[in-house]
């Protein structure tokens, strides 16, 4: 199964709590509606641990697709006029210039 992983940074001046709330209540539902090609969508919000230095990013998002073509279709839609709503929403809470995205071929071990 094909998966994309994105390391996402919050916009300066927004707390991790505000970032997670907006992502879960506004952005994720919008993405699910706009991109029916996504088969599974998980957001892993970073938990701050006192005394430990955290990563520079705030969330690891994972998107599963049936194939590479579906993943590429989502990228194309996101950059099209139809994707303007998702880009506008990202501008509200993400620092998209720092996002790192990777496409991977997920392999799962049965344990």
PDB file of N, CA and C in Angstrom:
ATOM      1  N   UNK A   1       0.852  -1.179   0.000  1.00  0.00           N
ATOM      2  CA  UNK A   1       0.000   0.000   0.000  1.00  0.00           C
ATOM      3  C   UNK A   1       0.893   1.236   0.000  1.00  0.00           C
ATOM      4  N   UNK A   2       0.491   2.237  -0.724  1.00  0.00           N
ATOM      5  CA  UNK A   2       1.236   3.489  -0.811  1.00  0.00           C
ATOM      6  C   UNK A   2       0.760   4.438   0.293  1.00  0.00           C
ATOM      7  N   UNK A   3       1.719   5.106   0.889  1.00  0.00           N
ATOM      8  CA  UNK A   3       1.397   6.048   1.956  1.00  0.00           C
ATOM      9  C   UNK A   3       2.259   7.281   1.783  1.00  0.00           C
ATOM     10  N   UNK A   4       1.684   8.437   2.091  1.00  0.00           N
ATOM     11  CA  UNK A   4       2.500   9.638   2.209  1.00  0.00           C
ATOM     12  C   UNK A   4       2.538  10.028   3.678  1.00  0.00           C
ATOM     13  N   UNK A   5       3.684  10.514   4.068  1.00  0.00           N
ATOM     14  CA  UNK A   5       3.916  10.970   5.440  1.00  0.00           C
ATOM     15  C   UNK A   5       4.336  12.430   5.353  1.00  0.00           C
ATOM     16  N   UNK A   6       3.739  13.272   6.176  1.00  0.00           N
ATOM     17  CA  UNK A   6       4.089  14.687   6.178  1.00  0.00           C
ATOM     18  C   UNK A   6       4.456  15.124   7.598  1.00  0.00           C
ATOM     19  N   UNK A   7       5.590  15.791   7.716  1.00  0.00           N
ATOM     20  CA  UNK A   7       5.996  16.405   8.974  1.00  0.00           C
ATOM     21  C   UNK A   7       5.538  17.854   8.889  1.00  0.00           C
ATOM     22  N   UNK A   8       4.613  18.217   9.754  1.00  0.00           N
ATOM     23  CA  UNK A   8       3.924  19.504   9.635  1.00  0.00           C
ATOM     24  C   UNK A   8       4.263  20.412  10.814  1.00  0.00           C
ATOM     25  N   UNK A   9       4.489  21.681  10.495  1.00  0.00           N
ATOM     26  CA  UNK A   9       4.828  22.702  11.490  1.00  0.00           C
ATOM     27  C   UNK A   9       3.655  23.658  11.663  1.00  0.00           C
ATOM     28  N   UNK A  10       3.443  24.071  12.890  1.00  0.00           N
ATOM     29  CA  UNK A  10       2.393  25.067  13.134  1.00  0.00           C
ATOM     30  C   UNK A  10       2.910  26.454  12.775  1.00  0.00           C
ATOM     31  N   UNK A  11       1.971  27.336  12.535  1.00  0.00           N
ATOM     32  CA  UNK A  11       2.287  28.724  12.232  1.00  0.00           C
ATOM     33  C   UNK A  11       2.790  29.399  13.505  1.00  0.00           C
ATOM     34  N   UNK A  12       3.721  30.313  13.360  1.00  0.00           N
ATOM     35  CA  UNK A  12       4.251  31.041  14.509  1.00  0.00           C
ATOM     36  C   UNK A  12       3.117  31.791  15.210  1.00  0.00           C
ATOM     37  N   UNK A  13       3.126  31.753  16.536  1.00  0.00           N
ATOM     38  CA  UNK A  13       2.103  32.437  17.319  1.00  0.00           C
ATOM     39  C   UNK A  13       0.908  31.562  17.662  1.00  0.00           C
ATOM     40  N   UNK A  14       0.898  30.334  17.177  1.00  0.00           N
ATOM     41  CA  UNK A  14      -0.202  29.399  17.466  1.00  0.00           C
ATOM     42  C   UNK A  14       0.344  28.302  18.383  1.00  0.00           C
ATOM     43  N   UNK A  15      -0.374  28.022  19.465  1.00  0.00           N
ATOM     44  CA  UNK A  15       0.068  26.979  20.391  1.00  0.00           C
ATOM     45  C   UNK A  15      -0.170  25.599  19.770  1.00  0.00           C
ATOM     46  N   UNK A  16       0.496  24.601  20.314  1.00  0.00           N
ATOM     47  CA  UNK A  16       0.268  23.227  19.837  1.00  0.00           C
ATOM     48  C   UNK A  16      -1.190  22.829  20.039  1.00  0.00           C
ATOM     49  N   UNK A  17      -1.787  23.289  21.136  1.00  0.00           N
ATOM     50  CA  UNK A  17      -3.192  22.953  21.406  1.00  0.00           C
ATOM     51  C   UNK A  17      -4.111  23.586  20.360  1.00  0.00           C
ATOM     52  N   UNK A  18      -3.878  24.859  20.033  1.00  0.00           N
ATOM     53  CA  UNK A  18      -4.685  25.538  19.009  1.00  0.00           C
ATOM     54  C   UNK A  18      -4.491  24.874  17.649  1.00  0.00           C
ATOM     55  N   UNK A  19      -3.244  24.517  17.354  1.00  0.00           N
ATOM     56  CA  UNK A  19      -2.922  23.841  16.106  1.00  0.00           C
ATOM     57  C   UNK A  19      -3.695  22.520  15.987  1.00  0.00           C
ATOM     58  N   UNK A  20      -3.617  21.689  17.033  1.00  0.00           N
ATOM     59  CA  UNK A  20      -4.290  20.382  17.011  1.00  0.00           C
ATOM     60  C   UNK A  20      -5.808  20.548  16.918  1.00  0.00           C
ATOM     61  N   UNK A  21      -6.356  21.501  17.632  1.00  0.00           N
ATOM     62  CA  UNK A  21      -7.809  21.722  17.596  1.00  0.00           C
ATOM     63  C   UNK A  21      -8.258  22.097  16.188  1.00  0.00           C
ATOM     64  N   UNK A  22      -7.565  23.032  15.558  1.00  0.00           N
ATOM     65  CA  UNK A  22      -7.951  23.435  14.204  1.00  0.00           C
ATOM     66  C   UNK A  22      -7.782  22.271  13.228  1.00  0.00           C
ATOM     67  N   UNK A  23      -6.679  21.556  13.361  1.00  0.00           N
ATOM     68  CA  UNK A  23      -6.420  20.429  12.460  1.00  0.00           C
ATOM     69  C   UNK A  23      -7.551  19.404  12.560  1.00  0.00           C
ATOM     70  N   UNK A  24      -7.922  19.041  13.768  1.00  0.00           N
ATOM     71  CA  UNK A  24      -8.926  17.990  13.966  1.00  0.00           C
ATOM     72  C   UNK A  24     -10.346  18.444  13.659  1.00  0.00           C
ATOM     73  N   UNK A  25     -10.681  19.681  14.018  1.00  0.00           N
ATOM     74  CA  UNK A  25     -12.073  20.138  13.867  1.00  0.00           C
ATOM     75  C   UNK A  25     -12.375  20.755  12.508  1.00  0.00           C
ATOM     76  N   UNK A  26     -11.366  21.296  11.832  1.00  0.00           N
ATOM     77  CA  UNK A  26     -11.604  21.977  10.554  1.00  0.00           C
ATOM     78  C   UNK A  26     -10.878  21.325   9.389  1.00  0.00           C
ATOM     79  N   UNK A  27      -9.554  21.203   9.530  1.00  0.00           N
ATOM     80  CA  UNK A  27      -8.739  20.799   8.387  1.00  0.00           C
ATOM     81  C   UNK A  27      -8.948  19.337   7.984  1.00  0.00           C
ATOM     82  N   UNK A  28      -8.878  18.425   8.934  1.00  0.00           N
ATOM     83  CA  UNK A  28      -9.022  16.999   8.598  1.00  0.00           C
ATOM     84  C   UNK A  28     -10.378  16.710   7.955  1.00  0.00           C
ATOM     85  N   UNK A  29     -11.490  17.210   8.504  1.00  0.00           N
ATOM     86  CA  UNK A  29     -12.781  16.957   7.831  1.00  0.00           C
ATOM     87  C   UNK A  29     -12.824  17.527   6.411  1.00  0.00           C
ATOM     88  N   UNK A  30     -12.199  18.682   6.198  1.00  0.00           N
ATOM     89  CA  UNK A  30     -12.158  19.277   4.865  1.00  0.00           C
ATOM     90  C   UNK A  30     -11.355  18.391   3.910  1.00  0.00           C
ATOM     91  N   UNK A  31     -10.228  17.881   4.372  1.00  0.00           N
ATOM     92  CA  UNK A  31      -9.386  17.009   3.542  1.00  0.00           C
ATOM     93  C   UNK A  31     -10.120  15.714   3.172  1.00  0.00           C
ATOM     94  N   UNK A  32     -10.805  15.128   4.125  1.00  0.00           N
ATOM     95  CA  UNK A  32     -11.548  13.890   3.857  1.00  0.00           C
ATOM     96  C   UNK A  32     -12.613  14.135   2.792  1.00  0.00           C
ATOM     97  N   UNK A  33     -13.278  15.270   2.870  1.00  0.00           N
ATOM     98  CA  UNK A  33     -14.323  15.622   1.902  1.00  0.00           C
ATOM     99  C   UNK A  33     -13.737  15.886   0.514  1.00  0.00           C
ATOM    100  N   UNK A  34     -12.599  16.588   0.465  1.00  0.00           N
ATOM    101  CA  UNK A  34     -12.016  17.008  -0.802  1.00  0.00           C
ATOM    102  C   UNK A  34     -11.263  15.889  -1.528  1.00  0.00           C
ATOM    103  N   UNK A  35     -10.716  14.942  -0.766  1.00  0.00           N
ATOM    104  CA  UNK A  35      -9.858  13.909  -1.348  1.00  0.00           C
ATOM    105  C   UNK A  35     -10.401  12.497  -1.086  1.00  0.00           C
ATOM    106  N   UNK A  36     -11.367  12.051  -1.867  1.00  0.00           N
ATOM    107  CA  UNK A  36     -11.926  10.704  -1.650  1.00  0.00           C
ATOM    108  C   UNK A  36     -10.922   9.590  -1.946  1.00  0.00           C
ATOM    109  N   UNK A  37      -9.803   9.916  -2.564  1.00  0.00           N
ATOM    110  CA  UNK A  37      -8.777   8.908  -2.860  1.00  0.00           C
ATOM    111  C   UNK A  37      -8.068   8.415  -1.598  1.00  0.00           C
ATOM    112  N   UNK A  38      -8.131   9.196  -0.537  1.00  0.00           N
ATOM    113  CA  UNK A  38      -7.478   8.806   0.717  1.00  0.00           C
ATOM    114  C   UNK A  38      -8.261   7.658   1.339  1.00  0.00           C
ATOM    115  N   UNK A  39      -7.565   6.551   1.630  1.00  0.00           N
ATOM    116  CA  UNK A  39      -8.207   5.371   2.218  1.00  0.00           C
ATOM    117  C   UNK A  39      -8.112   5.342   3.734  1.00  0.00           C
ATOM    118  N   UNK A  40      -7.084   5.987   4.279  1.00  0.00           N
ATOM    119  CA  UNK A  40      -6.897   6.058   5.728  1.00  0.00           C
ATOM    120  C   UNK A  40      -6.092   7.319   5.997  1.00  0.00           C
ATOM    121  N   UNK A  41      -6.412   8.010   7.080  1.00  0.00           N
ATOM    122  CA  UNK A  41      -5.798   9.319   7.362  1.00  0.00           C
ATOM    123  C   UNK A  41      -5.595   9.421   8.864  1.00  0.00           C
ATOM    124  N   UNK A  42      -4.345   9.511   9.278  1.00  0.00           N
ATOM    125  CA  UNK A  42      -4.020   9.576  10.706  1.00  0.00           C
ATOM    126  C   UNK A  42      -3.155  10.799  10.968  1.00  0.00           C
ATOM    127  N   UNK A  43      -3.467  11.511  12.036  1.00  0.00           N
ATOM    128  CA  UNK A  43      -2.659  12.632  12.499  1.00  0.00           C
ATOM    129  C   UNK A  43      -2.039  12.235  13.836  1.00  0.00           C
ATOM    130  N   UNK A  44      -0.728  12.361  13.912  1.00  0.00           N
ATOM    131  CA  UNK A  44       0.029  12.047  15.126  1.00  0.00           C
ATOM    132  C   UNK A  44       0.555  13.365  15.691  1.00  0.00           C
ATOM    133  N   UNK A  45      -0.170  13.937  16.642  1.00  0.00           N
ATOM    134  CA  UNK A  45       0.221  15.224  17.229  1.00  0.00           C
ATOM    135  C   UNK A  45       1.308  14.994  18.281  1.00  0.00           C
ATOM    136  N   UNK A  46       2.342  15.825  18.227  1.00  0.00           N
ATOM    137  CA  UNK A  46       3.481  15.704  19.133  1.00  0.00           C
ATOM    138  C   UNK A  46       3.041  16.042  20.560  1.00  0.00           C
ATOM    139  N   UNK A  47       3.458  15.214  21.496  1.00  0.00           N
ATOM    140  CA  UNK A  47       3.184  15.430  22.912  1.00  0.00           C
ATOM    141  C   UNK A  47       4.454  15.984  23.547  1.00  0.00           C
ATOM    142  N   UNK A  48       4.332  17.141  24.171  1.00  0.00           N
ATOM    143  CA  UNK A  48       5.489  17.729  24.844  1.00  0.00           C
ATOM    144  C   UNK A  48       5.700  17.041  26.186  1.00  0.00           C
ATOM    145  N   UNK A  49       6.948  16.674  26.443  1.00  0.00           N
ATOM    146  CA  UNK A  49       7.303  16.025  27.698  1.00  0.00           C
ATOM    147  C   UNK A  49       8.238  16.960  28.445  1.00  0.00           C
ATOM    148  N   UNK A  50       7.852  17.385  29.653  1.00  0.00           N
ATOM    149  CA  UNK A  50       8.704  18.302  30.413  1.00  0.00           C
ATOM    150  C   UNK A  50      10.125  17.759  30.561  1.00  0.00           C
ATOM    151  N   UNK A  51      11.099  18.635  30.330  1.00  0.00           N
ATOM    152  CA  UNK A  51      12.490  18.249  30.470  1.00  0.00           C
ATOM    153  C   UNK A  51      13.085  17.602  29.233  1.00  0.00           C
ATOM    154  N   UNK A  52      12.264  17.329  28.226  1.00  0.00           N
ATOM    155  CA  UNK A  52      12.774  16.724  26.991  1.00  0.00           C
ATOM    156  C   UNK A  52      12.569  17.682  25.830  1.00  0.00           C
ATOM    157  N   UNK A  53      13.588  17.772  24.991  1.00  0.00           N
ATOM    158  CA  UNK A  53      13.473  18.622  23.816  1.00  0.00           C
ATOM    159  C   UNK A  53      12.660  17.882  22.756  1.00  0.00           C
ATOM    160  N   UNK A  54      11.643  18.560  22.247  1.00  0.00           N
ATOM    161  CA  UNK A  54      10.795  17.950  21.237  1.00  0.00           C
ATOM    162  C   UNK A  54      11.305  18.215  19.838  1.00  0.00           C
ATOM    163  N   UNK A  55      10.694  17.615  18.855  1.00  0.00           N
ATOM    164  CA  UNK A  55      11.092  17.874  17.469  1.00  0.00           C
ATOM    165  C   UNK A  55      10.654  19.280  17.043  1.00  0.00           C
ATOM    166  N   UNK A  56      11.171  19.730  15.928  1.00  0.00           N
ATOM    167  CA  UNK A  56      10.827  21.056  15.426  1.00  0.00           C
ATOM    168  C   UNK A  56       9.441  21.092  14.790  1.00  0.00           C
ATOM    169  N   UNK A  57       8.875  19.932  14.467  1.00  0.00           N
ATOM    170  CA  UNK A  57       7.555  19.897  13.841  1.00  0.00           C
ATOM    171  C   UNK A  57       6.501  19.556  14.892  1.00  0.00           C
ATOM    172  N   UNK A  58       5.239  19.682  14.506  1.00  0.00           N
ATOM    173  CA  UNK A  58       4.141  19.543  15.464  1.00  0.00           C
ATOM    174  C   UNK A  58       3.223  18.359  15.218  1.00  0.00           C
ATOM    175  N   UNK A  59       3.290  17.777  14.020  1.00  0.00           N
ATOM    176  CA  UNK A  59       2.395  16.675  13.702  1.00  0.00           C
ATOM    177  C   UNK A  59       3.009  15.834  12.583  1.00  0.00           C
ATOM    178  N   UNK A  60       2.812  14.543  12.669  1.00  0.00           N
ATOM    179  CA  UNK A  60       3.143  13.632  11.576  1.00  0.00           C
ATOM    180  C   UNK A  60       1.814  13.131  11.038  1.00  0.00           C
ATOM    181  N   UNK A  61       1.520  13.503   9.803  1.00  0.00           N
ATOM    182  CA  UNK A  61       0.267  13.067   9.177  1.00  0.00           C
ATOM    183  C   UNK A  61       0.563  11.936   8.205  1.00  0.00           C
ATOM    184  N   UNK A  62      -0.329  10.944   8.191  1.00  0.00           N
ATOM    185  CA  UNK A  62      -0.168   9.786   7.323  1.00  0.00           C
ATOM    186  C   UNK A  62      -1.422   9.627   6.468  1.00  0.00           C
ATOM    187  N   UNK A  63      -1.201   9.401   5.172  1.00  0.00           N
ATOM    188  CA  UNK A  63      -2.292   9.257   4.213  1.00  0.00           C
ATOM    189  C   UNK A  63      -2.056   7.976   3.424  1.00  0.00           C
ATOM    190  N   UNK A  64      -3.016   7.058   3.436  1.00  0.00           N
ATOM    191  CA  UNK A  64      -2.900   5.799   2.709  1.00  0.00           C
ATOM    192  C   UNK A  64      -3.702   5.867   1.408  1.00  0.00           C
ATOM    193  N   UNK A  65      -3.133   5.248   0.370  1.00  0.00           N
ATOM    194  CA  UNK A  65      -3.761   5.201  -0.952  1.00  0.00           C
ATOM    195  C   UNK A  65      -3.668   3.792  -1.517  1.00  0.00           C
ATOM    196  N   UNK A  66      -4.577   3.467  -2.423  1.00  0.00           N
ATOM    197  CA  UNK A  66      -4.526   2.166  -3.084  1.00  0.00           C
ATOM    198  C   UNK A  66      -3.334   2.051  -4.019  1.00  0.00           C
ATOM    199  N   UNK A  67      -2.913   3.194  -4.589  1.00  0.00           N
ATOM    200  CA  UNK A  67      -1.828   3.158  -5.566  1.00  0.00           C
ATOM    201  C   UNK A  67      -1.192   4.545  -5.696  1.00  0.00           C
ATOM    202  N   UNK A  68      -0.082   4.585  -6.403  1.00  0.00           N
ATOM    203  CA  UNK A  68       0.646   5.834  -6.608  1.00  0.00           C
ATOM    204  C   UNK A  68      -0.207   6.841  -7.363  1.00  0.00           C
ATOM    205  N   UNK A  69      -0.980   6.369  -8.330  1.00  0.00           N
ATOM    206  CA  UNK A  69      -1.814   7.262  -9.131  1.00  0.00           C
ATOM    207  C   UNK A  69      -2.796   8.044  -8.262  1.00  0.00           C
ATOM    208  N   UNK A  70      -3.398   7.384  -7.266  1.00  0.00           N
ATOM    209  CA  UNK A  70      -4.321   8.084  -6.363  1.00  0.00           C
ATOM    210  C   UNK A  70      -3.593   9.136  -5.525  1.00  0.00           C
ATOM    211  N   UNK A  71      -2.386   8.811  -5.069  1.00  0.00           N
ATOM    212  CA  UNK A  71      -1.601   9.778  -4.295  1.00  0.00           C
ATOM    213  C   UNK A  71      -1.249  10.987  -5.156  1.00  0.00           C
ATOM    214  N   UNK A  72      -0.874  10.743  -6.396  1.00  0.00           N
ATOM    215  CA  UNK A  72      -0.543  11.846  -7.305  1.00  0.00           C
ATOM    216  C   UNK A  72      -1.777  12.668  -7.655  1.00  0.00           C
ATOM    217  N   UNK A  73      -2.943  12.015  -7.746  1.00  0.00           N
ATOM    218  CA  UNK A  73      -4.187  12.738  -8.026  1.00  0.00           C
ATOM    219  C   UNK A  73      -4.503  13.713  -6.899  1.00  0.00           C
ATOM    220  N   UNK A  74      -4.281  13.303  -5.660  1.00  0.00           N
ATOM    221  CA  UNK A  74      -4.516  14.195  -4.520  1.00  0.00           C
ATOM    222  C   UNK A  74      -3.583  15.401  -4.591  1.00  0.00           C
ATOM    223  N   UNK A  75      -2.323  15.168  -4.917  1.00  0.00           N
ATOM    224  CA  UNK A  75      -1.371  16.276  -5.034  1.00  0.00           C
ATOM    225  C   UNK A  75      -1.809  17.239  -6.136  1.00  0.00           C
ATOM    226  N   UNK A  76      -2.310  16.692  -7.231  1.00  0.00           N
ATOM    227  CA  UNK A  76      -2.778  17.538  -8.338  1.00  0.00           C
ATOM    228  C   UNK A  76      -4.008  18.353  -7.941  1.00  0.00           C
ATOM    229  N   UNK A  77      -4.954  17.712  -7.270  1.00  0.00           N
ATOM    230  CA  UNK A  77      -6.156  18.418  -6.813  1.00  0.00           C
ATOM    231  C   UNK A  77      -5.779  19.517  -5.823  1.00  0.00           C
ATOM    232  N   UNK A  78      -4.850  19.210  -4.926  1.00  0.00           N
ATOM    233  CA  UNK A  78      -4.449  20.183  -3.900  1.00  0.00           C
ATOM    234  C   UNK A  78      -3.880  21.454  -4.522  1.00  0.00           C
ATOM    235  N   UNK A  79      -3.254  21.341  -5.677  1.00  0.00           N
ATOM    236  CA  UNK A  79      -2.667  22.510  -6.327  1.00  0.00           C
ATOM    237  C   UNK A  79      -3.602  23.171  -7.346  1.00  0.00           C
ATOM    238  N   UNK A  80      -4.764  22.580  -7.555  1.00  0.00           N
ATOM    239  CA  UNK A  80      -5.712  23.110  -8.537  1.00  0.00           C
ATOM    240  C   UNK A  80      -6.650  24.131  -7.888  1.00  0.00           C
ATOM    241  N   UNK A  81      -7.533  24.696  -8.705  1.00  0.00           N
ATOM    242  CA  UNK A  81      -8.543  25.621  -8.187  1.00  0.00           C
ATOM    243  C   UNK A  81      -9.433  24.924  -7.158  1.00  0.00           C
ATOM    244  N   UNK A  82      -9.736  23.656  -7.395  1.00  0.00           N
ATOM    245  CA  UNK A  82     -10.569  22.895  -6.453  1.00  0.00           C
ATOM    246  C   UNK A  82      -9.898  22.757  -5.089  1.00  0.00           C
ATOM    247  N   UNK A  83      -8.570  22.811  -5.056  1.00  0.00           N
ATOM    248  CA  UNK A  83      -7.836  22.677  -3.800  1.00  0.00           C
ATOM    249  C   UNK A  83      -7.599  23.989  -3.073  1.00  0.00           C
ATOM    250  N   UNK A  84      -8.131  25.080  -3.609  1.00  0.00           N
ATOM    251  CA  UNK A  84      -7.904  26.391  -2.976  1.00  0.00           C
ATOM    252  C   UNK A  84      -8.399  26.410  -1.531  1.00  0.00           C
ATOM    253  N   UNK A  85      -9.513  25.755  -1.254  1.00  0.00           N
ATOM    254  CA  UNK A  85     -10.077  25.747   0.110  1.00  0.00           C
ATOM    255  C   UNK A  85      -9.109  25.095   1.100  1.00  0.00           C
ATOM    256  N   UNK A  86      -8.460  24.013   0.697  1.00  0.00           N
ATOM    257  CA  UNK A  86      -7.534  23.335   1.611  1.00  0.00           C
ATOM    258  C   UNK A  86      -6.283  24.185   1.815  1.00  0.00           C
ATOM    259  N   UNK A  87      -5.809  24.842   0.757  1.00  0.00           N
ATOM    260  CA  UNK A  87      -4.643  25.722   0.880  1.00  0.00           C
ATOM    261  C   UNK A  87      -4.956  26.930   1.755  1.00  0.00           C
ATOM    262  N   UNK A  88      -6.138  27.503   1.585  1.00  0.00           N
ATOM    263  CA  UNK A  88      -6.540  28.644   2.419  1.00  0.00           C
ATOM    264  C   UNK A  88      -6.611  28.233   3.887  1.00  0.00           C
ATOM    265  N   UNK A  89      -7.130  27.032   4.139  1.00  0.00           N
ATOM    266  CA  UNK A  89      -7.228  26.566   5.516  1.00  0.00           C
ATOM    267  C   UNK A  89      -5.835  26.320   6.099  1.00  0.00           C
ATOM    268  N   UNK A  90      -4.935  25.741   5.315  1.00  0.00           N
ATOM    269  CA  UNK A  90      -3.573  25.515   5.791  1.00  0.00           C
ATOM    270  C   UNK A  90      -2.911  26.824   6.201  1.00  0.00           C
ATOM    271  N   UNK A  91      -3.180  27.885   5.459  1.00  0.00           N
ATOM    272  CA  UNK A  91      -2.592  29.192   5.764  1.00  0.00           C
ATOM    273  C   UNK A  91      -3.019  29.720   7.129  1.00  0.00           C
ATOM    274  N   UNK A  92      -4.131  29.222   7.644  1.00  0.00           N
ATOM    275  CA  UNK A  92      -4.626  29.681   8.944  1.00  0.00           C
ATOM    276  C   UNK A  92      -3.814  29.144  10.116  1.00  0.00           C
ATOM    277  N   UNK A  93      -3.204  27.951   9.959  1.00  0.00           N
ATOM    278  CA  UNK A  93      -2.581  27.343  11.137  1.00  0.00           C
ATOM    279  C   UNK A  93      -1.267  26.613  10.871  1.00  0.00           C
ATOM    280  N   UNK A  94      -0.918  26.391   9.611  1.00  0.00           N
ATOM    281  CA  UNK A  94       0.313  25.675   9.273  1.00  0.00           C
ATOM    282  C   UNK A  94       1.362  26.617   8.693  1.00  0.00           C
ATOM    283  N   UNK A  95       2.621  26.267   8.908  1.00  0.00           N
ATOM    284  CA  UNK A  95       3.723  26.909   8.193  1.00  0.00           C
ATOM    285  C   UNK A  95       4.092  25.937   7.070  1.00  0.00           C
ATOM    286  N   UNK A  96       3.371  26.019   5.968  1.00  0.00           N
ATOM    287  CA  UNK A  96       3.524  25.063   4.871  1.00  0.00           C
ATOM    288  C   UNK A  96       4.910  25.093   4.243  1.00  0.00           C
ATOM    289  N   UNK A  97       5.623  26.195   4.383  1.00  0.00           N
ATOM    290  CA  UNK A  97       6.961  26.275   3.795  1.00  0.00           C
ATOM    291  C   UNK A  97       7.928  25.305   4.471  1.00  0.00           C
ATOM    292  N   UNK A  98       7.598  24.842   5.674  1.00  0.00           N
ATOM    293  CA  UNK A  98       8.462  23.915   6.402  1.00  0.00           C
ATOM    294  C   UNK A  98       7.990  22.458   6.316  1.00  0.00           C
ATOM    295  N   UNK A  99       6.860  22.206   5.664  1.00  0.00           N
ATOM    296  CA  UNK A  99       6.341  20.844   5.576  1.00  0.00           C
ATOM    297  C   UNK A  99       7.291  19.961   4.773  1.00  0.00           C
ATOM    298  N   UNK A 100       7.540  18.776   5.300  1.00  0.00           N
ATOM    299  CA  UNK A 100       8.339  17.768   4.604  1.00  0.00           C
ATOM    300  C   UNK A 100       7.404  16.607   4.301  1.00  0.00           C
ATOM    301  N   UNK A 101       7.282  16.256   3.019  1.00  0.00           N
ATOM    302  CA  UNK A 101       6.401  15.162   2.604  1.00  0.00           C
ATOM    303  C   UNK A 101       7.215  14.057   1.957  1.00  0.00           C
ATOM    304  N   UNK A 102       6.848  12.836   2.270  1.00  0.00           N
ATOM    305  CA  UNK A 102       7.523  11.656   1.731  1.00  0.00           C
ATOM    306  C   UNK A 102       6.479  10.673   1.234  1.00  0.00           C
ATOM    307  N   UNK A 103       6.737  10.024   0.104  1.00  0.00           N
ATOM    308  CA  UNK A 103       5.884   8.929  -0.347  1.00  0.00           C
ATOM    309  C   UNK A 103       6.648   7.641  -0.056  1.00  0.00           C
ATOM    310  N   UNK A 104       5.978   6.704   0.599  1.00  0.00           N
ATOM    311  CA  UNK A 104       6.626   5.456   0.995  1.00  0.00           C
ATOM    312  C   UNK A 104       5.777   4.267   0.582  1.00  0.00           C
ATOM    313  N   UNK A 105       6.422   3.128   0.477  1.00  0.00           N
ATOM    314  CA  UNK A 105       5.740   1.857   0.233  1.00  0.00           C
ATOM    315  C   UNK A 105       5.716   1.143   1.573  1.00  0.00           C
ATOM    316  N   UNK A 106       4.573   1.194   2.237  1.00  0.00           N
ATOM    317  CA  UNK A 106       4.454   0.665   3.596  1.00  0.00           C
ATOM    318  C   UNK A 106       4.512  -0.870   3.599  1.00  0.00           C
ATOM    319  N   UNK A 107       5.278  -1.418   4.501  1.00  0.00           N
ATOM    320  CA  UNK A 107       5.373  -2.865   4.701  1.00  0.00           C
ATOM    321  C   UNK A 107       5.057  -3.137   6.168  1.00  0.00           C
ATOM    322  N   UNK A 108       4.130  -4.031   6.425  1.00  0.00           N
ATOM    323  CA  UNK A 108       3.687  -4.321   7.786  1.00  0.00           C
ATOM    324  C   UNK A 108       4.048  -5.757   8.132  1.00  0.00           C
ATOM    325  N   UNK A 109       4.619  -5.955   9.320  1.00  0.00           N
ATOM    326  CA  UNK A 109       4.931  -7.297   9.810  1.00  0.00           C
ATOM    327  C   UNK A 109       3.803  -7.792  10.698  1.00  0.00           C
ATOM    328  N   UNK A 110       3.418  -9.022  10.506  1.00  0.00           N
ATOM    329  CA  UNK A 110       2.448  -9.645  11.413  1.00  0.00           C
ATOM    330  C   UNK A 110       3.209 -10.117  12.643  1.00  0.00           C
ATOM    331  N   UNK A 111       2.757  -9.641  13.797  1.00  0.00           N
ATOM    332  CA  UNK A 111       3.441 -10.004  15.041  1.00  0.00           C
ATOM    333  C   UNK A 111       2.482 -10.766  15.923  1.00  0.00           C
TER     334      UNK A 111
END
